Amino acid sequence: MDHTAHNTAVQDLHPEADVRRQRRNIPVLIGNLKAAGLNMPGVDTAYRAALFAGATDEMAWEAARRHELAMIGFPDEISDAGLDLSKAEAMRKRRQALIDTCRSLPNPFALGADLSVAA
């Protein structure tokens, strides 16, 4: 089976220079996303994947926010089983606070974004 045509197409989609540039920029991207309030592991991957799929910077940032929310989870997913009820309730409140904070973050790429809120 000849994989030459497939390999050429993949190389055309992912030129080495572009991949190297992305790798060099990962620490900068992570720092920028953290500065904007997105802290969960993988938000940079969500952002870069969205850009590769054709998203604008604004929508890529929203993909990173969606990833952050998915990693946080929801308060009702915390089970009372084996926990002191007051501890479970405190964990639910903490998770809800994380969700509320994430949802309130301004998207730095949105037109008219108030970036002073994030500072």
Protein backbone atom coordinates (compact mmCIF):
# COMPACT_ATOMS: atom_id res chain seq x y z
CA MET A 1 0.00 0.00 0.00
CA ASP A 2 1.42 3.36 -1.04
CA HIS A 3 1.25 5.96 1.73
CA THR A 4 3.25 8.55 -0.19
CA ALA A 5 0.22 10.56 -1.34
CA HIS A 6 -1.27 10.55 2.16
CA ASN A 7 2.04 11.54 3.77
CA THR A 8 2.44 14.43 1.31
CA ALA A 9 -1.07 15.67 2.11
CA VAL A 10 -0.35 15.49 5.84
CA GLN A 11 2.93 17.34 5.37
CA ASP A 12 1.08 20.00 3.37
CA LEU A 13 -1.46 20.40 6.19
CA HIS A 14 1.19 20.44 8.90
CA PRO A 15 4.37 22.09 7.59
CA GLU A 16 7.29 21.51 9.92
CA ALA A 17 7.97 25.23 10.26
CA ASP A 18 4.38 25.86 11.44
CA VAL A 19 4.49 23.01 13.94
CA ARG A 20 7.85 24.21 15.28
CA ARG A 21 6.49 27.76 15.64
CA GLN A 22 3.46 26.46 17.53
CA ARG A 23 5.68 24.42 19.85
CA ARG A 24 7.82 27.48 20.60
CA ASN A 25 4.70 29.54 21.32
CA ILE A 26 3.04 27.07 23.71
CA PRO A 27 4.52 28.63 26.90
CA VAL A 28 3.48 32.10 25.72
CA LEU A 29 -0.05 30.91 24.90
CA ILE A 30 -0.39 29.18 28.26
CA GLY A 31 0.78 32.36 30.01
CA ASN A 32 -1.69 34.49 28.05
CA LEU A 33 -4.59 32.14 28.78
CA LYS A 34 -3.69 32.04 32.48
CA ALA A 35 -3.45 35.84 32.54
CA ALA A 36 -6.96 35.90 31.04
CA GLY A 37 -8.20 33.60 33.84
CA LEU A 38 -8.16 30.18 32.14
CA ASN A 39 -6.05 27.85 34.28
CA MET A 40 -7.06 24.25 33.64
CA PRO A 41 -4.62 21.89 31.94
CA GLY A 42 -5.45 21.58 28.27
CA VAL A 43 -6.97 25.00 27.63
CA ASP A 44 -4.07 25.75 25.30
CA THR A 45 -4.77 22.56 23.35
CA ALA A 46 -8.45 23.47 23.02
CA TYR A 47 -7.48 26.94 21.81
CA ARG A 48 -4.95 25.68 19.25
CA ALA A 49 -7.28 22.93 18.00
CA ALA A 50 -10.07 25.45 17.45
CA LEU A 51 -7.73 27.72 15.50
CA PHE A 52 -6.60 24.80 13.36
CA ALA A 53 -10.24 23.93 12.66
CA GLY A 54 -10.80 27.46 11.34
CA ALA A 55 -12.13 29.32 14.37
CA THR A 56 -11.45 32.99 14.92
CA ASP A 57 -9.35 34.02 17.93
CA GLU A 58 -12.58 34.94 19.69
CA MET A 59 -14.15 31.52 19.14
CA ALA A 60 -10.88 29.71 19.95
CA TRP A 61 -10.85 31.52 23.31
CA GLU A 62 -14.44 30.36 23.86
CA ALA A 63 -13.35 26.79 23.06
CA ALA A 64 -10.71 27.16 25.77
CA ARG A 65 -13.37 28.49 28.17
CA ARG A 66 -15.62 25.51 27.33
CA HIS A 67 -12.72 23.18 28.11
CA GLU A 68 -12.17 24.96 31.43
CA LEU A 69 -15.85 24.56 32.33
CA ALA A 70 -15.80 20.89 31.34
CA MET A 71 -12.78 20.31 33.58
CA ILE A 72 -14.39 22.11 36.52
CA GLY A 73 -17.54 19.98 36.36
CA PHE A 74 -20.83 20.76 38.05
CA PRO A 75 -21.72 21.06 41.73
CA ASP A 76 -24.40 18.37 41.55
CA GLU A 77 -21.75 15.86 40.44
CA ILE A 78 -20.23 15.86 43.94
CA SER A 79 -21.63 12.94 45.85
CA ASP A 80 -22.46 13.03 49.55
CA ALA A 81 -21.38 9.39 49.87
CA GLY A 82 -18.57 9.08 52.37
CA LEU A 83 -18.34 12.83 52.98
CA ASP A 84 -19.36 14.99 55.86
CA LEU A 85 -22.42 16.91 54.58
CA SER A 86 -20.85 20.28 55.42
CA LYS A 87 -17.70 19.31 53.48
CA ALA A 88 -19.72 18.21 50.45
CA GLU A 89 -21.67 21.47 50.53
CA ALA A 90 -18.45 23.49 50.78
CA MET A 91 -17.05 21.60 47.78
CA ARG A 92 -20.24 22.33 45.79
CA LYS A 93 -20.04 26.03 46.65
CA ARG A 94 -16.37 26.13 45.64
CA ARG A 95 -17.12 24.46 42.32
CA GLN A 96 -20.02 26.85 41.66
CA ALA A 97 -17.73 29.79 42.42
CA LEU A 98 -15.20 28.47 39.88
CA ILE A 99 -17.97 28.15 37.28
CA ASP A 100 -19.27 31.65 37.99
CA THR A 101 -15.77 33.11 37.75
CA CYS A 102 -15.05 31.32 34.48
CA ARG A 103 -18.34 32.42 32.94
CA SER A 104 -17.74 36.04 33.96
CA LEU A 105 -14.31 36.27 32.33
CA PRO A 106 -14.23 38.73 29.45
CA ASN A 107 -13.13 37.27 26.14
CA PRO A 108 -10.10 39.40 25.22
CA PHE A 109 -10.87 38.94 21.53
CA ALA A 110 -14.51 40.05 21.72
CA LEU A 111 -15.29 43.45 20.29
CA GLY A 112 -15.67 45.94 23.09
CA ALA A 113 -14.35 43.51 25.74
CA ASP A 114 -13.79 45.18 29.10
CA LEU A 115 -10.38 43.75 29.92
CA SER A 116 -10.17 45.67 33.17
CA VAL A 117 -12.58 43.12 34.67
CA ALA A 118 -9.98 40.38 34.29
CA ALA A 119 -7.22 42.47 35.86
